[in-house]
Amino acid sequence: MTPGKSGVLLCVLALAGTSAHARSVWRCVRDGTVSLSTAPEPGANCAEKTLDDAAPTLPNLWGSLGTFHGTLYQREQDGKIVYGTRKLPGSVPMQQFTVATPATSPAHIGLGKIGRPQISVYRREFARAAAKTGLDEAWLRTIAHAESNYVADAVSTKGAKGVMQLMPGTAGDYAVTDAFSAQQSILAGARYLKTLEVLYAGDRVLAAAGYNAGPSAVAEYGGVPPYSETRLYIAKVKVLYERYRQALGLAPRSLELAPAP
């Protein structure tokens, strides 16, 4: 979304009444949906994003790709006028919006080879790691599949190692003493993935982006970084997650958080 396009972020920021050089918008997650607001939304997990007016493009605060449609609402909160994209008690609709993935995003380069789900590989290790961390096993296996295709001695060109392709610093943070131990790698990867899910309030698109590009990159861009590798990775894990849920006999579940109604 370029500054000249109409869209929810532009509407929110134009009405925010913040400084001339930088504006703040809150990204709020609640009940599996994401909204934007000019103040923290009651009952939601909100993170403040500061946007520079001089930036050539605005970050994709939704944290996922695609085109979003919705309504910008006005409400009174703590004696102040607040604007947001979630319909809350007392909210008054102000404007309909359509906002798309920024035009500057790299072209999609395809999903590459995905392969079939493998649910018999390291069955005990994945079941234990999922149980210990409270993670969805299909989600944990999706990341392992995308990262290493379950190769315990895999080493990436960037130095990530093992089934979960942990960088040395991350492995150290989670007490991994043998990066090529499938048991240690899977448990540490599960703990790291859980940390990312908590950090992003259950937003698995952002968790996948953080796992691939690092949380600092997600913070820098206010959402999914505009890296073709990361966007390809997210597209791939979306397909894999659907397949692993089916293979494990689980009900379908989208990776995406839906925009708040």
C-alpha atoms as a PDB file:
ATOM      1  CA  MET A   1       0.000   0.000   0.000  1.00  0.00           C
ATOM      2  CA  THR A   2       1.612   3.245  -1.108  1.00  0.00           C
ATOM      3  CA  PRO A   3       0.831   6.577   0.605  1.00  0.00           C
ATOM      4  CA  GLY A   4      -1.383   7.616  -2.309  1.00  0.00           C
ATOM      5  CA  LYS A   5      -3.711   4.617  -2.011  1.00  0.00           C
ATOM      6  CA  SER A   6      -6.874   4.756   0.044  1.00  0.00           C
ATOM      7  CA  GLY A   7      -6.818   2.186   2.811  1.00  0.00           C
ATOM      8  CA  VAL A   8      -7.451   1.547   6.452  1.00  0.00           C
ATOM      9  CA  LEU A   9      -3.992   2.551   7.639  1.00  0.00           C
ATOM     10  CA  LEU A  10      -4.210   5.883   5.888  1.00  0.00           C
ATOM     11  CA  CYS A  11      -7.667   6.496   7.337  1.00  0.00           C
ATOM     12  CA  VAL A  12      -6.537   5.610  10.845  1.00  0.00           C
ATOM     13  CA  LEU A  13      -3.370   7.669  10.654  1.00  0.00           C
ATOM     14  CA  ALA A  14      -5.066  10.695   9.126  1.00  0.00           C
ATOM     15  CA  LEU A  15      -7.519  10.766  12.018  1.00  0.00           C
ATOM     16  CA  ALA A  16      -5.064   9.864  14.751  1.00  0.00           C
ATOM     17  CA  GLY A  17      -4.011  13.395  15.597  1.00  0.00           C
ATOM     18  CA  THR A  18      -0.444  12.414  16.436  1.00  0.00           C
ATOM     19  CA  SER A  19       2.764  14.265  15.644  1.00  0.00           C
ATOM     20  CA  ALA A  20       3.606  15.613  12.211  1.00  0.00           C
ATOM     21  CA  HIS A  21       6.632  13.379  11.759  1.00  0.00           C
ATOM     22  CA  ALA A  22       5.538  10.061  13.251  1.00  0.00           C
ATOM     23  CA  ARG A  23       2.244   8.434  14.057  1.00  0.00           C
ATOM     24  CA  SER A  24       1.299   5.520  16.265  1.00  0.00           C
ATOM     25  CA  VAL A  25      -1.162   2.769  15.530  1.00  0.00           C
ATOM     26  CA  TRP A  26      -1.968  -0.200  17.733  1.00  0.00           C
ATOM     27  CA  ARG A  27      -2.144  -3.707  16.277  1.00  0.00           C
ATOM     28  CA  CYS A  28      -4.591  -5.657  18.445  1.00  0.00           C
ATOM     29  CA  VAL A  29      -5.294  -9.403  18.453  1.00  0.00           C
ATOM     30  CA  ARG A  30      -8.359 -10.926  20.114  1.00  0.00           C
ATOM     31  CA  ASP A  31     -10.354 -14.119  19.560  1.00  0.00           C
ATOM     32  CA  GLY A  32      -8.317 -15.084  16.512  1.00  0.00           C
ATOM     33  CA  THR A  33      -8.812 -11.756  14.725  1.00  0.00           C
ATOM     34  CA  VAL A  34      -6.562  -8.743  14.180  1.00  0.00           C
ATOM     35  CA  SER A  35      -7.522  -5.059  14.182  1.00  0.00           C
ATOM     36  CA  LEU A  36      -5.813  -1.680  13.997  1.00  0.00           C
ATOM     37  CA  SER A  37      -6.648   1.172  16.358  1.00  0.00           C
ATOM     38  CA  THR A  38      -5.388   4.593  17.429  1.00  0.00           C
ATOM     39  CA  ALA A  39      -5.400   3.423  21.073  1.00  0.00           C
ATOM     40  CA  PRO A  40      -5.053   0.049  22.801  1.00  0.00           C
ATOM     41  CA  GLU A  41      -8.246  -1.926  22.363  1.00  0.00           C
ATOM     42  CA  PRO A  42      -9.894  -3.105  25.620  1.00  0.00           C
ATOM     43  CA  GLY A  43      -9.692  -6.859  26.073  1.00  0.00           C
ATOM     44  CA  ALA A  44      -7.156  -7.383  23.281  1.00  0.00           C
ATOM     45  CA  ASN A  45      -3.418  -8.073  23.125  1.00  0.00           C
ATOM     46  CA  CYS A  46      -2.094  -4.878  21.543  1.00  0.00           C
ATOM     47  CA  ALA A  47       1.339  -3.776  20.338  1.00  0.00           C
ATOM     48  CA  GLU A  48       2.175  -0.173  19.439  1.00  0.00           C
ATOM     49  CA  LYS A  49       3.668   0.530  16.003  1.00  0.00           C
ATOM     50  CA  THR A  50       5.293   3.903  15.287  1.00  0.00           C
ATOM     51  CA  LEU A  51       5.197   4.930  11.636  1.00  0.00           C
ATOM     52  CA  ASP A  52       7.369   7.642  10.129  1.00  0.00           C
ATOM     53  CA  ASP A  53       5.492  10.044   7.841  1.00  0.00           C
ATOM     54  CA  ALA A  54       8.587  10.217   5.640  1.00  0.00           C
ATOM     55  CA  ALA A  55       8.594   6.469   4.976  1.00  0.00           C
ATOM     56  CA  PRO A  56       8.088   5.719   1.260  1.00  0.00           C
ATOM     57  CA  THR A  57       5.686   2.876   2.032  1.00  0.00           C
ATOM     58  CA  LEU A  58       3.666   1.874   5.054  1.00  0.00           C
ATOM     59  CA  PRO A  59       4.361  -1.510   6.682  1.00  0.00           C
ATOM     60  CA  ASN A  60       1.869  -4.320   6.315  1.00  0.00           C
ATOM     61  CA  LEU A  61       0.572  -4.341   9.883  1.00  0.00           C
ATOM     62  CA  TRP A  62      -1.919  -7.092   9.164  1.00  0.00           C
ATOM     63  CA  GLY A  63       1.019  -9.518   9.146  1.00  0.00           C
ATOM     64  CA  SER A  64      -0.227 -11.508   6.176  1.00  0.00           C
ATOM     65  CA  LEU A  65      -0.658 -11.190   2.434  1.00  0.00           C
ATOM     66  CA  GLY A  66      -3.767 -10.490   0.419  1.00  0.00           C
ATOM     67  CA  THR A  67      -6.534  -7.917   0.154  1.00  0.00           C
ATOM     68  CA  PHE A  68      -8.605  -6.931   3.178  1.00  0.00           C
ATOM     69  CA  HIS A  69     -12.015  -5.252   3.324  1.00  0.00           C
ATOM     70  CA  GLY A  70     -13.635  -3.730   6.363  1.00  0.00           C
ATOM     71  CA  THR A  71     -14.987  -0.694   8.165  1.00  0.00           C
ATOM     72  CA  LEU A  72     -13.263   2.084  10.069  1.00  0.00           C
ATOM     73  CA  TYR A  73     -15.150   2.830  13.315  1.00  0.00           C
ATOM     74  CA  GLN A  74     -15.114   5.778  15.714  1.00  0.00           C
ATOM     75  CA  ARG A  75     -15.604   5.321  19.440  1.00  0.00           C
ATOM     76  CA  GLU A  76     -15.089   7.214  22.680  1.00  0.00           C
ATOM     77  CA  GLN A  77     -12.578   5.648  25.041  1.00  0.00           C
ATOM     78  CA  ASP A  78     -11.347   7.165  28.299  1.00  0.00           C
ATOM     79  CA  GLY A  79     -12.777  10.512  27.283  1.00  0.00           C
ATOM     80  CA  LYS A  80     -11.031  10.564  23.905  1.00  0.00           C
ATOM     81  CA  ILE A  81     -12.109   9.886  20.328  1.00  0.00           C
ATOM     82  CA  VAL A  82     -10.507   6.677  19.046  1.00  0.00           C
ATOM     83  CA  TYR A  83     -10.581   5.099  15.577  1.00  0.00           C
ATOM     84  CA  GLY A  84     -10.244   1.404  14.864  1.00  0.00           C
ATOM     85  CA  THR A  85     -11.189  -1.439  12.577  1.00  0.00           C
ATOM     86  CA  ARG A  86     -13.063  -3.593  15.120  1.00  0.00           C
ATOM     87  CA  LYS A  87     -16.733  -3.000  15.902  1.00  0.00           C
ATOM     88  CA  LEU A  88     -16.851  -2.471  19.661  1.00  0.00           C
ATOM     89  CA  PRO A  89     -19.777  -1.407  21.868  1.00  0.00           C
ATOM     90  CA  GLY A  90     -20.563   2.229  21.158  1.00  0.00           C
ATOM     91  CA  SER A  91     -18.633   2.259  17.872  1.00  0.00           C
ATOM     92  CA  VAL A  92     -19.972   4.310  14.966  1.00  0.00           C
ATOM     93  CA  PRO A  93     -19.049   3.299  11.378  1.00  0.00           C
ATOM     94  CA  MET A  94     -17.094   6.027   9.571  1.00  0.00           C
ATOM     95  CA  GLN A  95     -15.774   4.615   6.288  1.00  0.00           C
ATOM     96  CA  GLN A  96     -15.497   1.383   4.299  1.00  0.00           C
ATOM     97  CA  PHE A  97     -11.971   0.404   3.240  1.00  0.00           C
ATOM     98  CA  THR A  98     -10.060  -1.965   1.001  1.00  0.00           C
ATOM     99  CA  VAL A  99      -6.348  -2.457   1.595  1.00  0.00           C
ATOM    100  CA  ALA A 100      -4.001  -4.720  -0.367  1.00  0.00           C
ATOM    101  CA  THR A 101      -0.521  -6.110   0.077  1.00  0.00           C
ATOM    102  CA  PRO A 102       1.962  -3.314  -0.775  1.00  0.00           C
ATOM    103  CA  ALA A 103       2.679  -2.994  -4.485  1.00  0.00           C
ATOM    104  CA  THR A 104       6.392  -3.035  -3.648  1.00  0.00           C
ATOM    105  CA  SER A 105       6.191  -6.621  -2.415  1.00  0.00           C
ATOM    106  CA  PRO A 106       8.437  -9.006  -4.384  1.00  0.00           C
ATOM    107  CA  ALA A 107       6.707 -11.207  -6.958  1.00  0.00           C
ATOM    108  CA  HIS A 108       5.771 -14.648  -5.676  1.00  0.00           C
ATOM    109  CA  ILE A 109       8.341 -17.127  -6.915  1.00  0.00           C
ATOM    110  CA  GLY A 110       6.278 -20.273  -6.416  1.00  0.00           C
ATOM    111  CA  LEU A 111       5.988 -22.879  -3.704  1.00  0.00           C
ATOM    112  CA  GLY A 112       8.652 -25.251  -4.960  1.00  0.00           C
ATOM    113  CA  LYS A 113       8.532 -28.904  -3.952  1.00  0.00           C
ATOM    114  CA  ILE A 114       6.391 -29.409  -0.857  1.00  0.00           C
ATOM    115  CA  GLY A 115       6.006 -33.152  -0.481  1.00  0.00           C
ATOM    116  CA  ARG A 116       3.580 -35.284   1.480  1.00  0.00           C
ATOM    117  CA  PRO A 117       3.111 -35.134   5.258  1.00  0.00           C
ATOM    118  CA  GLN A 118       5.344 -37.483   7.208  1.00  0.00           C
ATOM    119  CA  ILE A 119       3.696 -38.342  10.513  1.00  0.00           C
ATOM    120  CA  SER A 120       5.652 -41.487  11.353  1.00  0.00           C
ATOM    121  CA  VAL A 121       9.049 -39.759  11.556  1.00  0.00           C
ATOM    122  CA  TYR A 122      10.171 -39.077  15.143  1.00  0.00           C
ATOM    123  CA  ARG A 123       6.668 -39.874  16.342  1.00  0.00           C
ATOM    124  CA  ARG A 124       7.586 -39.968  20.047  1.00  0.00           C
ATOM    125  CA  GLU A 125       9.759 -36.829  19.933  1.00  0.00           C
ATOM    126  CA  PHE A 126       7.110 -34.684  18.284  1.00  0.00           C
ATOM    127  CA  ALA A 127       4.309 -35.955  20.509  1.00  0.00           C
ATOM    128  CA  ARG A 128       6.348 -35.210  23.662  1.00  0.00           C
ATOM    129  CA  ALA A 129       7.477 -31.772  22.484  1.00  0.00           C
ATOM    130  CA  ALA A 130       3.922 -30.820  21.529  1.00  0.00           C
ATOM    131  CA  ALA A 131       2.584 -32.015  24.885  1.00  0.00           C
ATOM    132  CA  LYS A 132       5.282 -30.193  26.877  1.00  0.00           C
ATOM    133  CA  THR A 133       4.779 -26.882  25.119  1.00  0.00           C
ATOM    134  CA  GLY A 134       1.069 -27.037  24.373  1.00  0.00           C
ATOM    135  CA  LEU A 135       1.756 -26.685  20.663  1.00  0.00           C
ATOM    136  CA  ASP A 136      -0.382 -28.129  17.912  1.00  0.00           C
ATOM    137  CA  GLU A 137       1.675 -31.119  16.688  1.00  0.00           C
ATOM    138  CA  ALA A 138       0.571 -30.481  13.105  1.00  0.00           C
ATOM    139  CA  TRP A 139       2.008 -26.967  13.368  1.00  0.00           C
ATOM    140  CA  LEU A 140       5.286 -28.195  14.864  1.00  0.00           C
ATOM    141  CA  ARG A 141       5.656 -30.851  12.166  1.00  0.00           C
ATOM    142  CA  THR A 142       4.852 -28.265   9.499  1.00  0.00           C
ATOM    143  CA  ILE A 143       7.835 -26.151  10.571  1.00  0.00           C
ATOM    144  CA  ALA A 144      10.150 -29.177  10.780  1.00  0.00           C
ATOM    145  CA  HIS A 145       9.079 -30.303   7.315  1.00  0.00           C
ATOM    146  CA  ALA A 146       9.625 -26.840   5.831  1.00  0.00           C
ATOM    147  CA  GLU A 147      12.940 -26.350   7.601  1.00  0.00           C
ATOM    148  CA  SER A 148      14.784 -29.653   7.123  1.00  0.00           C
ATOM    149  CA  ASN A 149      12.379 -32.272   5.809  1.00  0.00           C
ATOM    150  CA  TYR A 150      13.248 -34.106   9.056  1.00  0.00           C
ATOM    151  CA  VAL A 151      16.976 -34.474   8.279  1.00  0.00           C
ATOM    152  CA  ALA A 152      18.668 -34.589  11.683  1.00  0.00           C
ATOM    153  CA  ASP A 153      22.128 -33.580  10.438  1.00  0.00           C
ATOM    154  CA  ALA A 154      20.955 -30.831   8.063  1.00  0.00           C
ATOM    155  CA  VAL A 155      23.068 -27.652   7.988  1.00  0.00           C
ATOM    156  CA  SER A 156      21.935 -24.539   6.124  1.00  0.00           C
ATOM    157  CA  THR A 157      24.173 -22.070   4.313  1.00  0.00           C
ATOM    158  CA  LYS A 158      23.515 -19.637   7.176  1.00  0.00           C
ATOM    159  CA  GLY A 159      24.585 -22.113   9.845  1.00  0.00           C
ATOM    160  CA  ALA A 160      21.217 -23.365  11.097  1.00  0.00           C
ATOM    161  CA  LYS A 161      21.388 -26.982  12.212  1.00  0.00           C
ATOM    162  CA  GLY A 162      19.255 -30.021  12.909  1.00  0.00           C
ATOM    163  CA  VAL A 163      15.665 -31.052  12.381  1.00  0.00           C
ATOM    164  CA  MET A 164      14.341 -27.637  13.434  1.00  0.00           C
ATOM    165  CA  GLN A 165      17.213 -25.704  11.815  1.00  0.00           C
ATOM    166  CA  LEU A 166      18.142 -23.717  14.896  1.00  0.00           C
ATOM    167  CA  MET A 167      20.805 -21.045  14.698  1.00  0.00           C
ATOM    168  CA  PRO A 168      23.602 -21.513  17.270  1.00  0.00           C
ATOM    169  CA  GLY A 169      22.387 -18.605  19.406  1.00  0.00           C
ATOM    170  CA  THR A 170      18.832 -19.917  19.524  1.00  0.00           C
ATOM    171  CA  ALA A 171      20.030 -23.443  20.264  1.00  0.00           C
ATOM    172  CA  GLY A 172      22.052 -22.065  23.166  1.00  0.00           C
ATOM    173  CA  ASP A 173      19.062 -20.132  24.492  1.00  0.00           C
ATOM    174  CA  TYR A 174      17.147 -23.406  24.769  1.00  0.00           C
ATOM    175  CA  ALA A 175      19.960 -25.473  26.296  1.00  0.00           C
ATOM    176  CA  VAL A 176      20.729 -27.569  23.220  1.00  0.00           C
ATOM    177  CA  THR A 177      24.042 -29.377  23.711  1.00  0.00           C
ATOM    178  CA  ASP A 178      23.879 -31.449  20.521  1.00  0.00           C
ATOM    179  CA  ALA A 179      22.377 -29.602  17.549  1.00  0.00           C
ATOM    180  CA  PHE A 180      22.077 -32.870  15.628  1.00  0.00           C
ATOM    181  CA  SER A 181      20.116 -34.679  18.328  1.00  0.00           C
ATOM    182  CA  ALA A 182      16.592 -34.959  16.936  1.00  0.00           C
ATOM    183  CA  GLN A 183      15.133 -35.059  20.438  1.00  0.00           C
ATOM    184  CA  GLN A 184      16.917 -31.895  21.582  1.00  0.00           C
ATOM    185  CA  SER A 185      16.290 -30.048  18.324  1.00  0.00           C
ATOM    186  CA  ILE A 186      12.573 -30.834  18.231  1.00  0.00           C
ATOM    187  CA  LEU A 187      11.991 -29.855  21.856  1.00  0.00           C
ATOM    188  CA  ALA A 188      14.018 -26.652  21.530  1.00  0.00           C
ATOM    189  CA  GLY A 189      12.296 -25.808  18.261  1.00  0.00           C
ATOM    190  CA  ALA A 190       8.917 -26.356  19.897  1.00  0.00           C
ATOM    191  CA  ARG A 191       9.848 -24.080  22.801  1.00  0.00           C
ATOM    192  CA  TYR A 192      11.100 -21.394  20.416  1.00  0.00           C
ATOM    193  CA  LEU A 193       7.984 -21.657  18.254  1.00  0.00           C
ATOM    194  CA  LYS A 194       5.836 -21.367  21.378  1.00  0.00           C
ATOM    195  CA  THR A 195       7.782 -18.247  22.389  1.00  0.00           C
ATOM    196  CA  LEU A 196       7.039 -16.724  18.987  1.00  0.00           C
ATOM    197  CA  GLU A 197       3.351 -17.592  19.228  1.00  0.00           C
ATOM    198  CA  VAL A 198       3.148 -15.852  22.612  1.00  0.00           C
ATOM    199  CA  LEU A 199       5.110 -12.867  21.270  1.00  0.00           C
ATOM    200  CA  TYR A 200       2.678 -12.480  18.361  1.00  0.00           C
ATOM    201  CA  ALA A 201      -0.475 -13.248  20.350  1.00  0.00           C
ATOM    202  CA  GLY A 202      -1.193 -16.484  18.486  1.00  0.00           C
ATOM    203  CA  ASP A 203      -0.609 -15.037  15.020  1.00  0.00           C
ATOM    204  CA  ARG A 204       0.986 -17.988  13.236  1.00  0.00           C
ATOM    205  CA  VAL A 205       1.767 -16.031  10.087  1.00  0.00           C
ATOM    206  CA  LEU A 206       3.964 -13.711  12.132  1.00  0.00           C
ATOM    207  CA  ALA A 207       5.361 -16.665  14.084  1.00  0.00           C
ATOM    208  CA  ALA A 208       6.388 -18.298  10.797  1.00  0.00           C
ATOM    209  CA  ALA A 209       7.902 -15.015   9.595  1.00  0.00           C
ATOM    210  CA  GLY A 210       9.805 -14.689  12.866  1.00  0.00           C
ATOM    211  CA  TYR A 211      11.058 -18.268  12.667  1.00  0.00           C
ATOM    212  CA  ASN A 212      12.304 -17.708   9.120  1.00  0.00           C
ATOM    213  CA  ALA A 213      13.562 -14.116   9.153  1.00  0.00           C
ATOM    214  CA  GLY A 214      13.941 -13.444  12.864  1.00  0.00           C
ATOM    215  CA  PRO A 215      11.775 -11.385  15.256  1.00  0.00           C
ATOM    216  CA  SER A 216      13.904  -8.288  14.628  1.00  0.00           C
ATOM    217  CA  ALA A 217      12.938  -8.294  10.943  1.00  0.00           C
ATOM    218  CA  VAL A 218       9.245  -8.658  11.830  1.00  0.00           C
ATOM    219  CA  ALA A 219       9.573  -5.731  14.243  1.00  0.00           C
ATOM    220  CA  GLU A 220      11.434  -3.614  11.699  1.00  0.00           C
ATOM    221  CA  TYR A 221       8.739  -3.983   9.049  1.00  0.00           C
ATOM    222  CA  GLY A 222       5.735  -4.030  11.350  1.00  0.00           C
ATOM    223  CA  GLY A 223       4.637  -7.396   9.954  1.00  0.00           C
ATOM    224  CA  VAL A 224       5.830  -9.934   7.413  1.00  0.00           C
ATOM    225  CA  PRO A 225       9.191  -8.703   6.037  1.00  0.00           C
ATOM    226  CA  PRO A 226       9.232  -8.009   2.278  1.00  0.00           C
ATOM    227  CA  TYR A 227      11.705 -10.813   1.636  1.00  0.00           C
ATOM    228  CA  SER A 228      10.811 -13.203  -1.179  1.00  0.00           C
ATOM    229  CA  GLU A 229      12.318 -16.080   0.827  1.00  0.00           C
ATOM    230  CA  THR A 230      10.111 -15.337   3.834  1.00  0.00           C
ATOM    231  CA  ARG A 231       6.959 -14.899   1.782  1.00  0.00           C
ATOM    232  CA  LEU A 232       7.642 -18.137  -0.069  1.00  0.00           C
ATOM    233  CA  TYR A 233       8.224 -19.828   3.291  1.00  0.00           C
ATOM    234  CA  ILE A 234       4.884 -18.592   4.646  1.00  0.00           C
ATOM    235  CA  ALA A 235       3.044 -19.727   1.531  1.00  0.00           C
ATOM    236  CA  LYS A 236       4.664 -23.140   1.857  1.00  0.00           C
ATOM    237  CA  VAL A 237       3.846 -23.631   5.539  1.00  0.00           C
ATOM    238  CA  LYS A 238       0.228 -22.642   4.905  1.00  0.00           C
ATOM    239  CA  VAL A 239      -0.129 -25.554   2.504  1.00  0.00           C
ATOM    240  CA  LEU A 240       1.835 -27.920   4.745  1.00  0.00           C
ATOM    241  CA  TYR A 241      -0.213 -27.026   7.823  1.00  0.00           C
ATOM    242  CA  GLU A 242      -3.437 -27.864   6.034  1.00  0.00           C
ATOM    243  CA  ARG A 243      -1.985 -31.208   4.929  1.00  0.00           C
ATOM    244  CA  TYR A 244      -0.619 -32.100   8.371  1.00  0.00           C
ATOM    245  CA  ARG A 245      -3.916 -31.268  10.063  1.00  0.00           C
ATOM    246  CA  GLN A 246      -5.646 -33.625   7.635  1.00  0.00           C
ATOM    247  CA  ALA A 247      -3.013 -36.354   7.993  1.00  0.00           C
ATOM    248  CA  LEU A 248      -3.331 -36.282  11.787  1.00  0.00           C
ATOM    249  CA  GLY A 249      -7.131 -36.481  11.603  1.00  0.00           C
ATOM    250  CA  LEU A 250      -7.650 -32.944  12.905  1.00  0.00           C
ATOM    251  CA  ALA A 251     -10.308 -30.448  11.884  1.00  0.00           C
ATOM    252  CA  PRO A 252      -9.215 -27.900   9.259  1.00  0.00           C
ATOM    253  CA  ARG A 253      -7.713 -24.731  10.670  1.00  0.00           C
ATOM    254  CA  SER A 254      -6.320 -21.727   8.848  1.00  0.00           C
ATOM    255  CA  LEU A 255      -2.895 -20.301   9.578  1.00  0.00           C
ATOM    256  CA  GLU A 256      -4.340 -16.821   9.177  1.00  0.00           C
ATOM    257  CA  LEU A 257      -5.853 -14.520  11.744  1.00  0.00           C
ATOM    258  CA  ALA A 258      -9.013 -13.065  10.260  1.00  0.00           C
ATOM    259  CA  PRO A 259      -9.462  -9.252  10.199  1.00  0.00           C
ATOM    260  CA  ALA A 260     -11.866  -8.221  12.938  1.00  0.00           C
ATOM    261  CA  PRO A 261     -15.498  -7.797  11.809  1.00  0.00           C
END
